[in-house]
Amino acid sequence: MSATRAGSGPVGPVTEGAGAPAPRRARASLRAADGVRIDAAYEPGPGPVGGPVVVLAHGFTGDLDRPHVRRAARFLARHAAVVTFSFRGHGRSGGRSTVGDSEVLDLAAAVTWARSLGHSRVITLGFSMGGSVVLRHAGLHGLARRRSAEPGMAETAPGMAESTPVTPGAAPGTNEGRTGARNGAQGAETPPQAPATPETPAPPEAPVPPETPAGHDVPSRPVPAPAPAAFPAPLSEADRLLVAGGRADRTDLVIAVSSPARWYYRGTAPMRRLHWLVTRRLGRTVGRFGFRTRIRPGDWDPVPLSPTALAPYIAPVPLLLVHGDRDPYFPLDHPRALLRAAGTHGELWIEQGMGHAENATDEALLGRLWRWAERTGVTAGA
């Protein structure tokens, strides 16, 4: 077992021995930009040092030692190096879960560590909550690129005062909280110039693009994404830290499996149970002792940018969305909303008979994901 020591970088850790040959296997304690300790592990791949690395982000209540996470890591390690880690509040990591907000800093720390081990090409692969995190992480880097290109870019959308954070979908001056909407609002976030309520079908001028049939590695026909305009909303503290950070934690390719598109979704029984787990004191106690997951109480303020709000900013980084047609948590309008937002660089696979996240992702699907990454050019350094 080896350890890392926190450095002074704006995002993620600076590891001891950075630039040295990658270890054959390592267990590390990383430090996120806000100081939270993150437990991480490294599995070497079959290729030379400097080849591609997959950074695997688990779902809510998972951790890097869970059997389904280890199974995915072992399979992917046949093709590339793999970094797994436990999000804050999960497993042996410190802190408390924020259910998708500050977790972008945990992913940033893991990506930075992967690059410090000599890997120049990084694939971020996330499941469920981890899927939302890899989407947000890539989108926030897109925001940072846009701000660099446009120095005068505002930090809030036109007409939205930063001093009064507003949950999208809520009345001005209110904050609908982290996971449960009050006053009937669902708190959906959509890209600028494409407003929609979460339970309302897409307007006629934004048809759902066709998906790739299950079992076929054929790209979907893309549709143009709406042009991002300024920052879509006030940034949470974690979002600010990542946008203000450097490029060491950037990703080269994004795969999101079973990801939600928006916050506050309560349309299925499993999601209603999850909301109880997160928002109720008794639920958080059950989470701590029953699921080994420590959850931070209180509301988001401001609400972090949702995966749909950030999807237009991911380009030009290639993006693959994967979703099962039997997902008990998030129905198919979630991946379709993400695809509409992502536009020309997004691709969606609808998998027939597939359930939710890591437990429903078998080796055949993992192999197809890796072949897609190869075809996209990550292994060639394109």
Protein backbone atom coordinates (compact mmCIF):
# COMPACT_ATOMS: atom_id res chain seq x y z
CA MET A 1 0.00 0.00 0.00
CA SER A 2 1.28 3.45 -0.87
CA ALA A 3 -0.01 6.82 0.16
CA THR A 4 -0.12 10.28 -1.30
CA ARG A 5 0.31 13.59 0.43
CA ALA A 6 -1.84 16.62 -0.22
CA GLY A 7 -0.16 19.33 -2.22
CA SER A 8 -0.93 22.93 -3.03
CA GLY A 9 -2.64 22.47 -6.38
CA PRO A 10 -5.96 24.32 -6.82
CA VAL A 11 -7.84 21.11 -7.63
CA GLY A 12 -6.96 17.63 -6.43
CA PRO A 13 -3.77 16.23 -4.94
CA VAL A 14 -0.10 16.53 -5.72
CA THR A 15 1.26 13.03 -5.19
CA GLU A 16 4.64 12.02 -3.88
CA GLY A 17 6.82 10.71 -6.68
CA ALA A 18 4.81 12.39 -9.43
CA GLY A 19 6.41 11.71 -12.79
CA ALA A 20 7.95 8.41 -11.64
CA PRO A 21 7.02 5.13 -13.35
CA ALA A 22 3.49 4.06 -12.48
CA PRO A 23 3.33 1.55 -9.61
CA ARG A 24 2.18 -1.96 -10.31
CA ARG A 25 -0.60 -1.54 -7.76
CA ALA A 26 -1.28 1.18 -5.20
CA ARG A 27 -3.74 2.30 -2.53
CA ALA A 28 -3.67 6.03 -1.89
CA SER A 29 -5.22 8.66 0.34
CA LEU A 30 -5.88 11.68 -1.85
CA ARG A 31 -6.97 15.17 -0.81
CA ALA A 32 -9.80 16.94 -2.63
CA ALA A 33 -9.61 20.69 -3.22
CA ASP A 34 -11.79 21.37 -0.18
CA GLY A 35 -9.58 19.22 2.05
CA VAL A 36 -11.69 16.04 2.22
CA ARG A 37 -9.66 12.81 2.26
CA ILE A 38 -10.48 10.42 -0.61
CA ASP A 39 -9.59 6.71 -0.57
CA ALA A 40 -8.35 5.53 -3.99
CA ALA A 41 -6.76 2.49 -5.62
CA TYR A 42 -4.74 1.91 -8.79
CA GLU A 43 -4.74 -1.19 -10.97
CA PRO A 44 -2.12 -1.37 -13.72
CA GLY A 45 -3.13 -2.13 -17.25
CA PRO A 46 -1.47 -4.45 -19.75
CA GLY A 47 0.17 -1.70 -21.78
CA PRO A 48 3.21 0.51 -21.18
CA VAL A 49 3.29 3.33 -18.67
CA GLY A 50 1.58 6.36 -20.15
CA GLY A 51 -1.25 4.44 -21.79
CA PRO A 52 -4.91 5.24 -21.20
CA VAL A 53 -6.45 5.04 -17.74
CA VAL A 54 -10.09 4.57 -16.74
CA VAL A 55 -11.22 6.50 -13.66
CA LEU A 56 -14.28 4.68 -12.36
CA ALA A 57 -16.91 6.59 -10.34
CA HIS A 58 -19.35 4.42 -8.37
CA GLY A 59 -22.99 5.07 -7.54
CA PHE A 60 -24.61 6.29 -4.32
CA THR A 61 -23.98 3.93 -1.34
CA GLY A 62 -21.14 2.20 -3.24
CA ASP A 63 -17.39 2.36 -2.61
CA LEU A 64 -14.23 1.09 -4.26
CA ASP A 65 -14.26 -2.17 -2.26
CA ARG A 66 -17.81 -3.20 -3.21
CA PRO A 67 -17.91 -6.42 -5.25
CA HIS A 68 -19.65 -4.87 -8.27
CA VAL A 69 -17.07 -2.06 -8.43
CA ARG A 70 -14.15 -4.49 -8.11
CA ARG A 71 -15.67 -6.70 -10.84
CA ALA A 72 -15.85 -3.79 -13.27
CA ALA A 73 -12.32 -2.65 -12.34
CA ARG A 74 -10.84 -6.13 -12.85
CA PHE A 75 -12.42 -6.44 -16.28
CA LEU A 76 -11.33 -3.00 -17.45
CA ALA A 77 -7.79 -3.62 -16.14
CA ARG A 78 -7.41 -6.23 -18.90
CA HIS A 79 -7.43 -3.32 -21.36
CA ALA A 80 -6.14 -0.26 -19.50
CA ALA A 81 -4.99 1.02 -16.15
CA VAL A 82 -7.85 1.67 -13.74
CA VAL A 83 -8.27 4.10 -10.85
CA THR A 84 -11.15 3.46 -8.47
CA PHE A 85 -12.03 5.65 -5.51
CA SER A 86 -14.70 6.09 -2.87
CA PHE A 87 -16.71 9.29 -2.95
CA ARG A 88 -16.79 11.38 0.21
CA GLY A 89 -18.98 9.84 2.88
CA HIS A 90 -18.55 6.39 1.35
CA GLY A 91 -16.30 3.54 2.43
CA ARG A 92 -12.94 4.66 3.86
CA SER A 93 -13.12 8.21 2.48
CA GLY A 94 -13.68 11.14 4.80
CA GLY A 95 -16.40 13.74 4.82
CA ARG A 96 -20.09 13.32 4.11
CA SER A 97 -21.93 12.71 0.87
CA THR A 98 -23.52 15.70 -0.85
CA VAL A 99 -25.24 13.40 -3.40
CA GLY A 100 -23.59 14.84 -6.50
CA ASP A 101 -22.42 18.37 -5.63
CA SER A 102 -18.98 18.34 -3.98
CA GLU A 103 -18.29 14.89 -5.45
CA VAL A 104 -16.90 16.60 -8.56
CA LEU A 105 -13.88 17.51 -6.40
CA ASP A 106 -13.39 13.84 -5.46
CA LEU A 107 -13.35 12.87 -9.13
CA ALA A 108 -10.95 15.74 -9.87
CA ALA A 109 -8.55 14.41 -7.23
CA ALA A 110 -8.69 10.91 -8.71
CA VAL A 111 -8.07 12.17 -12.26
CA THR A 112 -5.16 14.32 -11.11
CA TRP A 113 -3.63 11.30 -9.37
CA ALA A 114 -4.07 9.19 -12.51
CA ARG A 115 -2.24 11.79 -14.60
CA SER A 116 0.53 12.08 -12.01
CA LEU A 117 1.18 8.35 -12.50
CA GLY A 118 2.14 9.03 -16.11
CA HIS A 119 -1.17 8.57 -17.93
CA SER A 120 -1.84 11.23 -20.53
CA ARG A 121 -5.27 9.97 -21.67
CA VAL A 122 -8.11 9.69 -19.15
CA ILE A 123 -11.54 8.10 -19.54
CA THR A 124 -14.05 8.95 -16.82
CA LEU A 125 -16.70 6.24 -16.41
CA GLY A 126 -19.52 6.85 -13.93
CA PHE A 127 -22.55 4.90 -12.77
CA SER A 128 -25.80 6.48 -11.47
CA MET A 129 -24.66 9.27 -9.10
CA GLY A 130 -21.15 8.71 -10.45
CA GLY A 131 -22.56 9.19 -13.94
CA SER A 132 -23.96 12.58 -12.97
CA VAL A 133 -20.58 13.46 -11.46
CA VAL A 134 -18.56 12.62 -14.60
CA LEU A 135 -21.01 14.68 -16.68
CA ARG A 136 -20.80 17.64 -14.32
CA HIS A 137 -17.01 17.38 -14.06
CA ALA A 138 -16.57 17.49 -17.85
CA GLY A 139 -19.17 20.24 -18.23
CA LEU A 140 -17.56 22.42 -15.58
CA HIS A 141 -14.25 22.14 -17.42
CA GLY A 142 -16.11 23.28 -20.51
CA LEU A 143 -17.33 26.30 -18.56
CA ALA A 144 -13.75 27.02 -17.52
CA ARG A 145 -12.60 26.83 -21.15
CA ARG A 146 -15.39 29.19 -22.16
CA ARG A 147 -14.48 31.66 -19.43
CA SER A 148 -10.84 31.61 -20.57
CA ALA A 149 -11.95 32.31 -24.14
CA GLU A 150 -14.35 35.04 -23.03
CA PRO A 151 -12.77 36.92 -20.09
CA GLY A 152 -15.85 39.10 -19.61
CA MET A 153 -18.17 36.14 -19.20
CA ALA A 154 -20.60 36.65 -16.32
CA GLU A 155 -20.74 34.18 -13.45
CA THR A 156 -24.52 34.15 -13.47
CA ALA A 157 -27.05 34.00 -16.24
CA PRO A 158 -28.41 37.35 -17.40
CA GLY A 159 -30.88 38.75 -14.93
CA MET A 160 -29.97 36.31 -12.13
CA ALA A 161 -28.44 38.03 -9.13
CA GLU A 162 -25.68 36.00 -7.52
CA SER A 163 -26.65 37.28 -4.07
CA THR A 164 -30.04 35.53 -4.24
CA PRO A 165 -29.55 31.94 -5.43
CA VAL A 166 -32.65 30.62 -7.17
CA THR A 167 -33.44 26.98 -7.67
CA PRO A 168 -34.46 26.54 -11.32
CA GLY A 169 -38.20 25.94 -11.38
CA ALA A 170 -38.77 27.75 -8.08
CA ALA A 171 -40.14 31.18 -7.36
CA PRO A 172 -37.54 33.92 -7.00
CA GLY A 173 -36.17 34.22 -3.48
CA THR A 174 -36.73 30.57 -2.58
CA ASN A 175 -34.37 27.63 -2.40
CA GLU A 176 -35.94 24.23 -2.94
CA GLY A 177 -33.16 22.33 -1.21
CA ARG A 178 -30.90 19.45 -2.12
CA THR A 179 -33.03 16.50 -3.09
CA GLY A 180 -36.66 17.22 -2.30
CA ALA A 181 -38.63 20.05 -3.89
CA ARG A 182 -41.05 22.00 -1.76
CA ASN A 183 -44.18 23.82 -2.86
CA GLY A 184 -44.59 21.34 -5.70
CA ALA A 185 -41.52 22.46 -7.66
CA GLN A 186 -39.27 19.81 -9.14
CA GLY A 187 -36.23 22.07 -9.56
CA ALA A 188 -35.30 20.93 -13.05
CA GLU A 189 -32.30 22.47 -14.76
CA THR A 190 -32.06 22.59 -18.54
CA PRO A 191 -29.54 24.34 -20.77
CA PRO A 192 -30.11 28.04 -21.44
CA GLN A 193 -32.45 28.75 -24.37
CA ALA A 194 -34.12 25.36 -23.89
CA PRO A 195 -36.37 25.74 -20.83
CA ALA A 196 -38.63 22.86 -19.88
CA THR A 197 -40.21 21.51 -16.72
CA PRO A 198 -38.97 18.08 -15.68
CA GLU A 199 -42.23 16.22 -16.24
CA THR A 200 -43.14 18.02 -19.48
CA PRO A 201 -42.36 16.33 -22.83
CA ALA A 202 -39.90 18.08 -25.10
CA PRO A 203 -41.45 20.71 -27.38
CA PRO A 204 -41.99 19.79 -31.04
CA GLU A 205 -38.96 21.77 -32.17
CA ALA A 206 -36.67 19.58 -30.00
CA PRO A 207 -37.46 15.99 -31.07
CA VAL A 208 -35.89 13.07 -29.28
CA PRO A 209 -32.92 11.85 -31.35
CA PRO A 210 -32.79 8.16 -32.27
CA GLU A 211 -30.78 5.91 -29.97
CA THR A 212 -28.39 3.13 -30.83
CA PRO A 213 -30.24 -0.22 -30.76
CA ALA A 214 -29.19 -2.49 -27.91
CA GLY A 215 -26.30 -4.76 -28.76
CA HIS A 216 -25.06 -2.60 -31.65
CA ASP A 217 -22.09 -0.25 -31.59
CA VAL A 218 -23.57 2.13 -34.15
CA PRO A 219 -23.46 5.86 -33.38
CA SER A 220 -26.78 7.66 -32.94
CA ARG A 221 -27.64 10.50 -35.29
CA PRO A 222 -26.80 13.65 -33.33
CA VAL A 223 -28.83 16.84 -33.15
CA PRO A 224 -27.45 20.33 -32.59
CA ALA A 225 -27.23 21.44 -28.97
CA PRO A 226 -28.51 24.82 -27.86
CA ALA A 227 -25.70 27.34 -27.65
CA PRO A 228 -24.59 27.87 -24.01
CA ALA A 229 -25.08 31.42 -22.82
CA ALA A 230 -23.00 32.78 -19.95
CA PHE A 231 -23.02 30.71 -16.75
CA PRO A 232 -26.40 28.94 -16.52
CA ALA A 233 -26.88 29.68 -12.79
CA PRO A 234 -24.99 30.72 -9.67
CA LEU A 235 -22.19 28.25 -8.99
CA SER A 236 -22.02 26.14 -5.86
CA GLU A 237 -18.78 26.30 -3.86
CA ALA A 238 -17.58 22.99 -5.31
CA ASP A 239 -18.40 24.13 -8.83
CA ARG A 240 -16.47 27.37 -8.23
CA LEU A 241 -13.42 25.46 -7.01
CA LEU A 242 -13.38 23.21 -10.04
CA VAL A 243 -13.97 26.02 -12.57
CA ALA A 244 -11.21 28.08 -10.93
CA GLY A 245 -8.78 25.16 -10.88
CA GLY A 246 -6.24 24.12 -13.45
CA ARG A 247 -6.34 21.57 -16.25
CA ALA A 248 -4.58 18.69 -14.49
CA ASP A 249 -7.88 16.97 -13.76
CA ARG A 250 -9.42 17.28 -17.23
CA THR A 251 -10.90 14.23 -18.92
CA ASP A 252 -10.48 13.10 -22.53
CA LEU A 253 -13.60 10.94 -22.86
CA VAL A 254 -16.79 10.60 -20.78
CA ILE A 255 -19.06 7.57 -20.31
CA ALA A 256 -22.14 7.94 -18.08
CA VAL A 257 -24.20 4.84 -17.26
CA SER A 258 -27.68 5.13 -15.68
CA SER A 259 -27.20 8.82 -14.92
CA PRO A 260 -30.01 11.13 -13.85
CA ALA A 261 -30.54 14.16 -16.03
CA ARG A 262 -31.88 16.48 -13.35
CA TRP A 263 -32.23 16.93 -9.62
CA TYR A 264 -35.28 16.32 -7.41
CA TYR A 265 -36.71 13.42 -9.41
CA ARG A 266 -39.29 11.47 -7.36
CA GLY A 267 -41.18 9.70 -10.13
CA THR A 268 -40.23 6.13 -9.14
CA ALA A 269 -40.54 4.24 -5.87
CA PRO A 270 -36.74 3.68 -5.53
CA MET A 271 -36.14 7.40 -5.91
CA ARG A 272 -38.77 8.23 -3.31
CA ARG A 273 -37.01 5.87 -0.92
CA LEU A 274 -33.68 7.50 -1.73
CA HIS A 275 -35.12 10.94 -0.98
CA TRP A 276 -36.28 9.66 2.41
CA LEU A 277 -32.78 8.29 3.05
CA VAL A 278 -31.18 11.66 2.28
CA THR A 279 -33.65 14.17 3.66
CA ARG A 280 -34.81 12.52 6.90
CA ARG A 281 -32.75 12.18 10.06
CA LEU A 282 -33.81 8.56 10.48
CA GLY A 283 -33.03 7.93 6.82
CA ARG A 284 -29.49 9.27 7.21
CA THR A 285 -29.05 7.01 10.24
CA VAL A 286 -30.13 4.04 8.12
CA GLY A 287 -27.71 5.20 5.42
CA ARG A 288 -24.82 5.37 7.90
CA PHE A 289 -25.30 2.00 9.55
CA GLY A 290 -27.15 0.06 6.87
CA PHE A 291 -25.30 1.26 3.75
CA ARG A 292 -22.01 2.57 5.20
CA THR A 293 -22.82 5.97 3.70
CA ARG A 294 -22.54 9.17 5.72
CA ILE A 295 -24.82 11.86 4.31
CA ARG A 296 -24.53 15.59 4.99
CA PRO A 297 -27.76 17.10 6.36
CA GLY A 298 -29.21 20.33 5.04
CA ASP A 299 -30.07 21.78 1.66
CA TRP A 300 -27.95 22.71 -1.30
CA ASP A 301 -27.44 26.48 -1.38
CA PRO A 302 -27.01 27.37 -4.14
CA VAL A 303 -28.19 24.36 -6.09
CA PRO A 304 -25.32 22.88 -8.17
CA LEU A 305 -25.64 22.86 -11.92
CA SER A 306 -27.43 19.71 -13.08
CA PRO A 307 -26.07 17.22 -15.64
CA THR A 308 -28.52 18.55 -18.25
CA ALA A 309 -27.49 22.16 -17.64
CA LEU A 310 -23.81 21.27 -18.11
CA ALA A 311 -24.13 18.77 -20.97
CA PRO A 312 -23.84 21.46 -23.73
CA TYR A 313 -20.44 22.48 -22.35
CA ILE A 314 -18.84 19.02 -22.54
CA ALA A 315 -17.94 19.36 -26.24
CA PRO A 316 -15.48 18.72 -27.81
CA VAL A 317 -14.87 15.88 -25.34
CA PRO A 318 -16.57 12.73 -26.71
CA LEU A 319 -19.57 11.58 -24.69
CA LEU A 320 -21.37 8.24 -24.44
CA LEU A 321 -24.62 7.82 -22.49
CA VAL A 322 -25.81 4.30 -21.59
CA HIS A 323 -29.20 3.52 -20.05
CA GLY A 324 -31.28 0.41 -19.47
CA ASP A 325 -34.88 0.26 -20.61
CA ARG A 326 -35.73 -1.46 -17.31
CA ASP A 327 -33.97 1.02 -15.04
CA PRO A 328 -36.14 1.16 -11.88
CA TYR A 329 -34.71 4.53 -10.80
CA PHE A 330 -34.65 6.80 -13.85
CA PRO A 331 -36.90 6.29 -16.91
CA LEU A 332 -35.73 6.87 -20.46
CA ASP A 333 -36.65 10.55 -20.53
CA HIS A 334 -33.49 11.15 -18.45
CA PRO A 335 -30.91 9.92 -21.00
CA ARG A 336 -32.95 11.40 -23.85
CA ALA A 337 -32.90 14.82 -22.17
CA LEU A 338 -29.13 14.51 -21.73
CA LEU A 339 -28.70 13.60 -25.40
CA ARG A 340 -30.78 16.57 -26.53
CA ALA A 341 -28.65 18.85 -24.37
CA ALA A 342 -25.33 17.30 -25.45
CA GLY A 343 -26.08 17.61 -29.13
CA THR A 344 -23.64 16.73 -31.90
CA HIS A 345 -20.94 15.17 -29.71
CA GLY A 346 -23.31 12.96 -27.67
CA GLU A 347 -24.23 9.33 -28.30
CA LEU A 348 -26.87 7.24 -26.52
CA TRP A 349 -27.20 3.47 -26.15
CA ILE A 350 -30.52 2.14 -24.88
CA GLU A 351 -29.85 -1.36 -23.54
CA GLN A 352 -32.78 -3.78 -23.71
CA GLY A 353 -33.49 -5.62 -20.47
CA MET A 354 -30.86 -3.71 -18.51
CA GLY A 355 -31.57 -2.45 -14.99
CA HIS A 356 -29.56 0.13 -13.08
CA ALA A 357 -25.87 1.04 -12.83
CA GLU A 358 -22.96 -1.25 -11.86
CA ASN A 359 -25.02 -4.23 -10.81
CA ALA A 360 -26.70 -4.32 -14.23
CA THR A 361 -23.50 -3.77 -16.25
CA ASP A 362 -22.12 -7.15 -17.31
CA GLU A 363 -18.77 -7.91 -18.90
CA ALA A 364 -20.27 -7.94 -22.39
CA LEU A 365 -21.38 -4.33 -21.98
CA LEU A 366 -18.08 -3.33 -20.37
CA GLY A 367 -16.31 -4.81 -23.40
CA ARG A 368 -18.47 -2.78 -25.76
CA LEU A 369 -17.74 0.36 -23.77
CA TRP A 370 -14.02 -0.27 -24.13
CA ARG A 371 -14.33 -0.90 -27.88
CA TRP A 372 -16.19 2.39 -28.20
CA ALA A 373 -13.35 4.13 -26.38
CA GLU A 374 -10.82 2.53 -28.73
CA ARG A 375 -12.83 3.55 -31.77
CA THR A 376 -13.18 7.09 -30.45
CA GLY A 377 -9.41 7.38 -30.44
CA VAL A 378 -8.52 7.62 -26.75
CA THR A 379 -5.98 4.81 -26.97
CA ALA A 380 -4.25 6.45 -29.89
CA GLY A 381 -3.94 9.79 -28.12
CA ALA A 382 -6.15 11.44 -30.73
